[in-house]
Amino acid sequence: MKSQNKWSKNWKSSKQVRKQRKYRYNAPLHVKHGFVSVHLSKELRDKHKRRALPARKGDKVKILRGSFKGKSGKIENINSKQEKVYVEGIMALKRDGTKVPKALKPSNLMILELNLDDKMRQKIIKRKIE
């Protein structure tokens, strides 16, 4: 009996949607880290010479799509496993009236200000400029 690979980096180049989904779903966390990349604003794009960066807690983002379109806030949590980002102040209302944080897709966000507290992140950004 042939063993079924749970994840292979070769599926990224597949035209088949089922294999593309399998690639994203079963990817290890170090690969999923890249899936939470968020577009940079025009000013940041010109300054750092790159289009997108992985989201980081403390980044200020603007929501571009959905019912919260136009609102902005700081990232308070990131779920790499589910590829979701949580922004402070963005809450969903449950049927019983309680509010819960709304999970957002990184593709629907744009970074307005970067959190540069982390030395490693500064290195990553400088690497592209030089």
N, C-alpha and C. Protein backbone atom coordinates (compact mmCIF):
# COMPACT_ATOMS: atom_id res chain seq x y z
N MET A 1 0.84 -1.18 0.00
CA MET A 1 0.00 0.00 0.00
C MET A 1 0.89 1.25 0.00
N LYS A 2 0.54 2.20 -0.88
CA LYS A 2 1.33 3.41 -1.04
C LYS A 2 1.00 4.41 0.09
N SER A 3 2.04 4.99 0.70
CA SER A 3 1.78 5.95 1.78
C SER A 3 1.41 7.31 1.20
N GLN A 4 0.46 7.98 1.85
CA GLN A 4 0.01 9.30 1.41
C GLN A 4 0.77 10.36 2.16
N ASN A 5 1.54 11.17 1.43
CA ASN A 5 2.25 12.27 2.08
C ASN A 5 1.25 13.28 2.60
N LYS A 6 1.48 13.72 3.83
CA LYS A 6 0.61 14.73 4.40
C LYS A 6 0.92 16.10 3.81
N TRP A 7 2.22 16.37 3.55
CA TRP A 7 2.61 17.66 3.00
C TRP A 7 3.85 17.51 2.14
N SER A 8 3.85 18.18 1.01
CA SER A 8 5.01 18.19 0.14
C SER A 8 5.14 19.57 -0.49
N LYS A 9 6.35 20.12 -0.52
CA LYS A 9 6.50 21.46 -1.09
C LYS A 9 6.29 21.47 -2.60
N ASN A 10 6.23 20.31 -3.22
CA ASN A 10 5.99 20.24 -4.66
C ASN A 10 4.55 20.55 -5.05
N TRP A 11 3.62 20.47 -4.08
CA TRP A 11 2.22 20.73 -4.41
C TRP A 11 1.96 22.20 -4.68
N LYS A 12 2.89 23.07 -4.25
CA LYS A 12 2.69 24.50 -4.45
C LYS A 12 2.54 24.82 -5.93
N SER A 13 3.24 24.08 -6.76
CA SER A 13 3.24 24.36 -8.19
C SER A 13 2.13 23.61 -8.94
N SER A 14 1.29 22.89 -8.24
CA SER A 14 0.24 22.12 -8.88
C SER A 14 -0.90 23.02 -9.36
N LYS A 15 -1.49 22.66 -10.49
CA LYS A 15 -2.65 23.39 -11.01
C LYS A 15 -3.93 22.92 -10.34
N GLN A 16 -3.86 21.76 -9.69
CA GLN A 16 -5.06 21.18 -9.10
C GLN A 16 -5.38 21.85 -7.76
N VAL A 17 -6.60 22.38 -7.67
CA VAL A 17 -7.03 23.13 -6.50
C VAL A 17 -6.99 22.26 -5.25
N ARG A 18 -7.35 20.98 -5.36
CA ARG A 18 -7.36 20.11 -4.18
C ARG A 18 -5.96 19.97 -3.61
N LYS A 19 -4.94 19.94 -4.47
CA LYS A 19 -3.56 19.83 -3.99
C LYS A 19 -3.07 21.16 -3.43
N GLN A 20 -3.55 22.27 -3.99
CA GLN A 20 -3.21 23.59 -3.45
C GLN A 20 -3.78 23.72 -2.04
N ARG A 21 -5.03 23.27 -1.86
CA ARG A 21 -5.67 23.33 -0.54
C ARG A 21 -4.94 22.43 0.44
N LYS A 22 -4.57 21.21 -0.03
CA LYS A 22 -3.86 20.27 0.82
C LYS A 22 -2.51 20.85 1.25
N TYR A 23 -1.82 21.55 0.33
CA TYR A 23 -0.55 22.19 0.63
C TYR A 23 -0.72 23.20 1.76
N ARG A 24 -1.74 24.06 1.67
CA ARG A 24 -1.95 25.09 2.69
C ARG A 24 -2.42 24.50 4.01
N TYR A 25 -3.32 23.53 3.95
CA TYR A 25 -3.91 22.97 5.16
C TYR A 25 -2.89 22.18 5.98
N ASN A 26 -2.07 21.38 5.33
CA ASN A 26 -1.14 20.49 6.02
C ASN A 26 0.27 21.07 6.16
N ALA A 27 0.48 22.30 5.75
CA ALA A 27 1.81 22.90 5.81
C ALA A 27 2.30 23.03 7.26
N PRO A 28 3.61 22.86 7.48
CA PRO A 28 4.15 23.05 8.82
C PRO A 28 4.10 24.53 9.20
N LEU A 29 4.20 24.83 10.50
CA LEU A 29 4.03 26.20 10.98
C LEU A 29 5.06 27.18 10.43
N HIS A 30 6.28 26.72 10.16
CA HIS A 30 7.27 27.66 9.62
C HIS A 30 6.92 28.10 8.21
N VAL A 31 6.15 27.29 7.48
CA VAL A 31 5.67 27.67 6.15
C VAL A 31 4.39 28.51 6.28
N LYS A 32 3.51 28.11 7.22
CA LYS A 32 2.27 28.86 7.44
C LYS A 32 2.53 30.28 7.90
N HIS A 33 3.69 30.52 8.51
CA HIS A 33 4.06 31.87 8.93
C HIS A 33 4.01 32.84 7.74
N GLY A 34 4.41 32.36 6.59
CA GLY A 34 4.38 33.19 5.39
C GLY A 34 2.97 33.44 4.88
N PHE A 35 2.03 32.58 5.23
CA PHE A 35 0.65 32.73 4.77
C PHE A 35 -0.07 33.88 5.49
N VAL A 36 0.47 34.35 6.61
CA VAL A 36 -0.15 35.48 7.32
C VAL A 36 0.54 36.79 6.92
N SER A 37 1.07 36.85 5.70
CA SER A 37 1.68 38.07 5.19
C SER A 37 0.60 39.07 4.82
N VAL A 38 0.89 40.34 5.10
CA VAL A 38 -0.06 41.43 4.87
C VAL A 38 0.62 42.47 3.98
N HIS A 39 -0.14 43.04 3.03
CA HIS A 39 0.38 44.09 2.17
C HIS A 39 0.79 45.31 2.97
N LEU A 40 1.81 46.00 2.49
CA LEU A 40 2.26 47.24 3.12
C LEU A 40 1.60 48.44 2.44
N SER A 41 1.46 49.54 3.17
CA SER A 41 0.92 50.78 2.59
C SER A 41 1.94 51.32 1.58
N LYS A 42 1.50 52.25 0.74
CA LYS A 42 2.38 52.81 -0.30
C LYS A 42 3.66 53.41 0.29
N GLU A 43 3.53 54.15 1.40
CA GLU A 43 4.71 54.78 2.02
C GLU A 43 5.70 53.73 2.51
N LEU A 44 5.17 52.71 3.20
CA LEU A 44 6.05 51.64 3.71
C LEU A 44 6.66 50.84 2.57
N ARG A 45 5.90 50.66 1.50
CA ARG A 45 6.39 49.92 0.34
C ARG A 45 7.58 50.64 -0.28
N ASP A 46 7.48 51.95 -0.42
CA ASP A 46 8.58 52.73 -0.99
C ASP A 46 9.78 52.74 -0.05
N LYS A 47 9.52 52.86 1.25
CA LYS A 47 10.59 52.95 2.24
C LYS A 47 11.37 51.64 2.38
N HIS A 48 10.65 50.50 2.45
CA HIS A 48 11.29 49.22 2.72
C HIS A 48 11.53 48.37 1.49
N LYS A 49 11.13 48.85 0.31
CA LYS A 49 11.37 48.15 -0.97
C LYS A 49 10.81 46.74 -1.01
N ARG A 50 9.64 46.54 -0.38
CA ARG A 50 8.96 45.25 -0.48
C ARG A 50 7.47 45.47 -0.41
N ARG A 51 6.73 44.51 -0.94
CA ARG A 51 5.28 44.64 -1.08
C ARG A 51 4.53 44.18 0.16
N ALA A 52 5.02 43.13 0.82
CA ALA A 52 4.31 42.54 1.96
C ALA A 52 5.30 42.02 2.99
N LEU A 53 4.81 41.88 4.21
CA LEU A 53 5.58 41.31 5.31
C LEU A 53 4.66 40.45 6.15
N PRO A 54 5.19 39.38 6.78
CA PRO A 54 4.36 38.62 7.70
C PRO A 54 3.87 39.52 8.84
N ALA A 55 2.60 39.38 9.19
CA ALA A 55 1.99 40.19 10.25
C ALA A 55 2.67 39.88 11.58
N ARG A 56 2.73 40.88 12.45
CA ARG A 56 3.35 40.74 13.75
C ARG A 56 2.47 41.47 14.75
N LYS A 57 2.37 40.93 15.94
CA LYS A 57 1.60 41.56 17.00
C LYS A 57 2.12 42.98 17.23
N GLY A 58 1.22 43.94 17.27
CA GLY A 58 1.61 45.34 17.48
C GLY A 58 1.63 46.17 16.21
N ASP A 59 1.55 45.53 15.02
CA ASP A 59 1.46 46.28 13.77
C ASP A 59 0.11 46.99 13.70
N LYS A 60 0.10 48.21 13.16
CA LYS A 60 -1.17 48.92 12.95
C LYS A 60 -1.64 48.60 11.54
N VAL A 61 -2.86 48.08 11.43
CA VAL A 61 -3.40 47.66 10.13
C VAL A 61 -4.72 48.36 9.83
N LYS A 62 -5.03 48.42 8.55
CA LYS A 62 -6.31 48.95 8.07
C LYS A 62 -7.04 47.80 7.40
N ILE A 63 -8.35 47.70 7.64
CA ILE A 63 -9.15 46.63 7.05
C ILE A 63 -9.68 47.11 5.69
N LEU A 64 -9.45 46.32 4.65
CA LEU A 64 -9.80 46.71 3.29
C LEU A 64 -11.08 46.05 2.77
N ARG A 65 -11.51 44.97 3.39
CA ARG A 65 -12.68 44.23 2.90
C ARG A 65 -13.56 43.81 4.06
N GLY A 66 -14.84 43.59 3.77
CA GLY A 66 -15.76 43.06 4.77
C GLY A 66 -16.55 44.15 5.47
N SER A 67 -17.29 43.75 6.48
CA SER A 67 -18.19 44.67 7.18
C SER A 67 -17.43 45.71 8.02
N PHE A 68 -16.14 45.48 8.29
CA PHE A 68 -15.34 46.43 9.07
C PHE A 68 -14.42 47.25 8.16
N LYS A 69 -14.72 47.31 6.87
CA LYS A 69 -13.91 48.01 5.89
C LYS A 69 -13.67 49.46 6.32
N GLY A 70 -12.41 49.90 6.21
CA GLY A 70 -12.07 51.28 6.55
C GLY A 70 -11.59 51.46 7.98
N LYS A 71 -11.89 50.52 8.87
CA LYS A 71 -11.46 50.64 10.26
C LYS A 71 -10.01 50.20 10.39
N SER A 72 -9.34 50.74 11.42
CA SER A 72 -7.95 50.35 11.64
C SER A 72 -7.70 50.14 13.13
N GLY A 73 -6.65 49.42 13.42
CA GLY A 73 -6.29 49.12 14.80
C GLY A 73 -5.02 48.30 14.83
N LYS A 74 -4.54 48.03 16.04
CA LYS A 74 -3.33 47.23 16.21
C LYS A 74 -3.68 45.75 16.24
N ILE A 75 -2.76 44.94 15.72
CA ILE A 75 -2.95 43.49 15.77
C ILE A 75 -2.73 43.04 17.21
N GLU A 76 -3.72 42.32 17.76
CA GLU A 76 -3.58 41.86 19.14
C GLU A 76 -3.24 40.37 19.22
N ASN A 77 -3.53 39.62 18.14
CA ASN A 77 -3.24 38.19 18.16
C ASN A 77 -3.17 37.67 16.73
N ILE A 78 -2.36 36.62 16.52
CA ILE A 78 -2.26 35.97 15.22
C ILE A 78 -2.35 34.48 15.42
N ASN A 79 -3.20 33.82 14.64
CA ASN A 79 -3.34 32.38 14.70
C ASN A 79 -2.74 31.82 13.41
N SER A 80 -1.49 31.38 13.47
CA SER A 80 -0.81 30.87 12.28
C SER A 80 -1.45 29.58 11.78
N LYS A 81 -1.92 28.77 12.69
CA LYS A 81 -2.51 27.48 12.31
C LYS A 81 -3.75 27.67 11.44
N GLN A 82 -4.59 28.63 11.81
CA GLN A 82 -5.80 28.89 11.02
C GLN A 82 -5.62 30.02 10.01
N GLU A 83 -4.42 30.62 10.00
CA GLU A 83 -4.11 31.74 9.10
C GLU A 83 -5.08 32.90 9.31
N LYS A 84 -5.28 33.30 10.57
CA LYS A 84 -6.20 34.39 10.92
C LYS A 84 -5.47 35.44 11.77
N VAL A 85 -5.97 36.68 11.64
CA VAL A 85 -5.42 37.81 12.39
C VAL A 85 -6.55 38.45 13.18
N TYR A 86 -6.25 38.85 14.42
CA TYR A 86 -7.24 39.50 15.27
C TYR A 86 -6.77 40.93 15.54
N VAL A 87 -7.65 41.91 15.26
CA VAL A 87 -7.34 43.32 15.44
C VAL A 87 -8.12 43.85 16.64
N GLU A 88 -7.46 44.65 17.49
CA GLU A 88 -8.14 45.16 18.68
C GLU A 88 -9.26 46.12 18.28
N GLY A 89 -10.39 45.97 18.97
CA GLY A 89 -11.55 46.81 18.69
C GLY A 89 -12.49 46.22 17.65
N ILE A 90 -12.07 45.16 16.96
CA ILE A 90 -12.92 44.53 15.95
C ILE A 90 -13.56 43.30 16.59
N MET A 91 -14.86 43.43 16.88
CA MET A 91 -15.58 42.37 17.58
C MET A 91 -16.81 41.94 16.78
N ALA A 92 -17.11 40.65 16.86
CA ALA A 92 -18.33 40.11 16.27
C ALA A 92 -19.35 39.94 17.38
N LEU A 93 -20.60 40.18 17.05
CA LEU A 93 -21.68 40.07 18.03
C LEU A 93 -22.33 38.69 17.91
N LYS A 94 -22.37 37.95 19.03
CA LYS A 94 -23.00 36.64 19.02
C LYS A 94 -24.50 36.80 19.25
N ARG A 95 -25.26 35.74 19.03
CA ARG A 95 -26.72 35.81 19.15
C ARG A 95 -27.18 36.09 20.57
N ASP A 96 -26.37 35.66 21.54
CA ASP A 96 -26.77 35.92 22.93
C ASP A 96 -26.33 37.30 23.41
N GLY A 97 -25.73 38.12 22.52
CA GLY A 97 -25.37 39.49 22.85
C GLY A 97 -23.92 39.68 23.26
N THR A 98 -23.18 38.61 23.46
CA THR A 98 -21.78 38.74 23.85
C THR A 98 -20.92 39.08 22.63
N LYS A 99 -19.81 39.74 22.89
CA LYS A 99 -18.89 40.11 21.82
C LYS A 99 -17.66 39.22 21.87
N VAL A 100 -17.23 38.79 20.70
CA VAL A 100 -16.03 37.96 20.59
C VAL A 100 -15.12 38.59 19.53
N PRO A 101 -13.78 38.42 19.66
CA PRO A 101 -12.88 38.96 18.64
C PRO A 101 -13.17 38.34 17.26
N LYS A 102 -13.16 39.16 16.22
CA LYS A 102 -13.45 38.71 14.86
C LYS A 102 -12.15 38.31 14.18
N ALA A 103 -12.12 37.10 13.64
CA ALA A 103 -10.95 36.60 12.91
C ALA A 103 -10.98 37.18 11.50
N LEU A 104 -9.85 37.73 11.05
CA LEU A 104 -9.75 38.34 9.73
C LEU A 104 -8.69 37.63 8.90
N LYS A 105 -8.92 37.59 7.60
CA LYS A 105 -7.92 37.02 6.69
C LYS A 105 -6.84 38.08 6.44
N PRO A 106 -5.57 37.67 6.43
CA PRO A 106 -4.49 38.64 6.22
C PRO A 106 -4.57 39.33 4.86
N SER A 107 -5.15 38.68 3.86
CA SER A 107 -5.24 39.28 2.53
C SER A 107 -6.18 40.48 2.50
N ASN A 108 -7.03 40.62 3.51
CA ASN A 108 -7.98 41.73 3.57
C ASN A 108 -7.48 42.89 4.41
N LEU A 109 -6.19 42.88 4.74
CA LEU A 109 -5.60 43.91 5.60
C LEU A 109 -4.46 44.62 4.87
N MET A 110 -4.09 45.80 5.41
CA MET A 110 -2.93 46.54 4.92
C MET A 110 -2.21 47.14 6.12
N ILE A 111 -0.91 46.94 6.19
CA ILE A 111 -0.12 47.46 7.30
C ILE A 111 0.13 48.95 7.10
N LEU A 112 -0.23 49.75 8.13
CA LEU A 112 0.00 51.19 8.11
C LEU A 112 1.27 51.56 8.88
N GLU A 113 1.52 50.87 10.01
CA GLU A 113 2.72 51.11 10.83
C GLU A 113 3.28 49.76 11.25
N LEU A 114 4.60 49.64 11.16
CA LEU A 114 5.27 48.40 11.55
C LEU A 114 5.70 48.45 13.01
N ASN A 115 5.63 47.31 13.67
CA ASN A 115 6.17 47.16 15.02
C ASN A 115 7.62 46.72 14.88
N LEU A 116 8.56 47.62 15.16
CA LEU A 116 9.98 47.32 14.96
C LEU A 116 10.71 47.07 16.27
N ASP A 117 9.99 46.58 17.31
CA ASP A 117 10.61 46.25 18.59
C ASP A 117 11.56 45.06 18.47
N ASP A 118 11.27 44.15 17.54
CA ASP A 118 12.02 42.91 17.39
C ASP A 118 13.25 43.13 16.51
N LYS A 119 14.44 42.77 17.03
CA LYS A 119 15.69 42.94 16.28
C LYS A 119 15.71 42.05 15.02
N MET A 120 15.16 40.84 15.14
CA MET A 120 15.15 39.93 14.00
C MET A 120 14.32 40.50 12.85
N ARG A 121 13.21 41.14 13.19
CA ARG A 121 12.36 41.72 12.15
C ARG A 121 13.09 42.88 11.45
N GLN A 122 13.83 43.66 12.21
CA GLN A 122 14.60 44.74 11.61
C GLN A 122 15.65 44.19 10.64
N LYS A 123 16.26 43.07 11.01
CA LYS A 123 17.24 42.40 10.13
C LYS A 123 16.58 41.95 8.83
N ILE A 124 15.38 41.35 8.94
CA ILE A 124 14.66 40.84 7.78
C ILE A 124 14.35 41.99 6.81
N ILE A 125 13.92 43.11 7.36
CA ILE A 125 13.57 44.26 6.53
C ILE A 125 14.81 44.85 5.85
N LYS A 126 15.92 44.96 6.61
CA LYS A 126 17.15 45.52 6.05
C LYS A 126 17.76 44.62 4.97
N ARG A 127 17.57 43.31 5.13
CA ARG A 127 18.12 42.34 4.19
C ARG A 127 17.67 42.63 2.76
N LYS A 128 16.41 43.02 2.60
CA LYS A 128 15.86 43.27 1.27
C LYS A 128 16.38 44.59 0.70
N ILE A 129 16.57 45.61 1.54
CA ILE A 129 17.00 46.93 1.07
C ILE A 129 18.43 46.90 0.53
N GLU A 130 19.31 46.19 1.21
CA GLU A 130 20.74 46.16 0.82
C GLU A 130 21.00 45.33 -0.40
